[in-house]
C-alpha atoms as a PDB file:
ATOM      1  CA  MET A   1       0.000   0.000   0.000  1.00  0.00           C
ATOM      2  CA  PRO A   2       1.521   3.357  -0.957  1.00  0.00           C
ATOM      3  CA  PHE A   3       2.144   6.005   1.691  1.00  0.00           C
ATOM      4  CA  ILE A   4      -0.409   8.708   0.856  1.00  0.00           C
ATOM      5  CA  PRO A   5      -1.398  10.698   3.953  1.00  0.00           C
ATOM      6  CA  SER A   6      -5.117  11.463   4.244  1.00  0.00           C
ATOM      7  CA  ALA A   7      -5.966   9.593   1.045  1.00  0.00           C
ATOM      8  CA  ALA A   8      -7.782   6.356   0.204  1.00  0.00           C
ATOM      9  CA  SER A   9      -5.813   3.350  -0.982  1.00  0.00           C
ATOM     10  CA  CYS A  10      -7.140   0.093  -2.367  1.00  0.00           C
ATOM     11  CA  GLY A  11      -5.841  -3.426  -1.870  1.00  0.00           C
ATOM     12  CA  VAL A  12      -6.825  -6.529  -3.793  1.00  0.00           C
ATOM     13  CA  LEU A  13      -7.360  -9.910  -2.135  1.00  0.00           C
ATOM     14  CA  ARG A  14      -7.814 -13.156  -4.083  1.00  0.00           C
ATOM     15  CA  PHE A  15     -10.523 -15.390  -2.641  1.00  0.00           C
ATOM     16  CA  LYS A  16     -11.427 -18.620  -4.431  1.00  0.00           C
ATOM     17  CA  SER A  17     -10.356 -17.257  -7.827  1.00  0.00           C
ATOM     18  CA  LYS A  18     -12.282 -14.027  -7.255  1.00  0.00           C
ATOM     19  CA  ASN A  19     -10.741 -10.582  -6.927  1.00  0.00           C
ATOM     20  CA  VAL A  20     -11.993  -8.601  -3.945  1.00  0.00           C
ATOM     21  CA  ILE A  21     -11.333  -4.875  -3.605  1.00  0.00           C
ATOM     22  CA  ILE A  22     -10.635  -3.633  -0.086  1.00  0.00           C
ATOM     23  CA  THR A  23     -10.784   0.129   0.395  1.00  0.00           C
ATOM     24  CA  VAL A  24      -8.590   1.525   3.176  1.00  0.00           C
ATOM     25  CA  ILE A  25      -8.260   5.092   4.432  1.00  0.00           C
ATOM     26  CA  SER A  26      -5.086   5.964   6.345  1.00  0.00           C
ATOM     27  CA  ILE A  27      -4.656   9.260   8.177  1.00  0.00           C
ATOM     28  CA  TYR A  28      -1.351  10.284   9.720  1.00  0.00           C
ATOM     29  CA  ARG A  29      -0.601  13.046  12.228  1.00  0.00           C
ATOM     30  CA  LEU A  30       2.903  14.394  11.883  1.00  0.00           C
ATOM     31  CA  SER A  31       4.883  16.003  14.677  1.00  0.00           C
ATOM     32  CA  GLU A  32       8.377  17.414  14.160  1.00  0.00           C
ATOM     33  CA  GLY A  33       8.631  15.690  10.783  1.00  0.00           C
ATOM     34  CA  LYS A  34       7.775  12.230  12.147  1.00  0.00           C
ATOM     35  CA  ILE A  35       4.589  10.177  12.241  1.00  0.00           C
ATOM     36  CA  ALA A  36       3.144  10.668  15.735  1.00  0.00           C
ATOM     37  CA  GLU A  37      -0.211   8.907  15.230  1.00  0.00           C
ATOM     38  CA  GLU A  38      -1.945   6.827  12.600  1.00  0.00           C
ATOM     39  CA  TRP A  39      -5.619   6.016  12.084  1.00  0.00           C
ATOM     40  CA  ARG A  40      -6.863   3.397   9.611  1.00  0.00           C
ATOM     41  CA  ASN A  41     -10.343   2.492   8.524  1.00  0.00           C
ATOM     42  CA  ARG A  42     -11.198  -0.282   6.076  1.00  0.00           C
ATOM     43  CA  ASP A  43     -14.478  -1.100   4.388  1.00  0.00           C
ATOM     44  CA  THR A  44     -15.121  -4.488   6.026  1.00  0.00           C
ATOM     45  CA  LEU A  45     -18.816  -4.411   5.096  1.00  0.00           C
ATOM     46  CA  GLY A  46     -18.004  -4.008   1.406  1.00  0.00           C
ATOM     47  CA  MET A  47     -15.441  -6.812   1.596  1.00  0.00           C
ATOM     48  CA  LEU A  48     -17.943  -9.218   3.223  1.00  0.00           C
ATOM     49  CA  GLN A  49     -20.519  -8.386   0.539  1.00  0.00           C
ATOM     50  CA  GLN A  50     -18.029  -9.106  -2.247  1.00  0.00           C
ATOM     51  CA  LEU A  51     -17.095 -12.441  -0.664  1.00  0.00           C
ATOM     52  CA  GLY A  52     -20.777 -13.417  -0.511  1.00  0.00           C
ATOM     53  CA  ILE A  53     -20.686 -13.752   3.278  1.00  0.00           C
ATOM     54  CA  LEU A  54     -23.141 -10.920   3.904  1.00  0.00           C
ATOM     55  CA  HIS A  55     -26.216 -10.036   1.871  1.00  0.00           C
ATOM     56  CA  LEU A  56     -28.086  -6.807   2.542  1.00  0.00           C
ATOM     57  CA  LYS A  57     -31.574  -6.039   1.314  1.00  0.00           C
ATOM     58  CA  ARG A  58     -32.293  -2.586  -0.056  1.00  0.00           C
ATOM     59  CA  THR A  59     -35.315  -0.791   1.317  1.00  0.00           C
ATOM     60  CA  SER A  60     -37.089   2.208  -0.188  1.00  0.00           C
END
């Protein structure tokens, strides 16, 4: 995953011959030119839907 502060990155996971896209957002806080803190959030719900583990019904 490339180092892109405050930007979304995507990873690809192969699962039973199927490509799955995992979206990750990484945010870094810098202090004195060094990384002081890091926060990451990944789209687990989207990944589970792509793997067929979770099915959501749309409502109007």
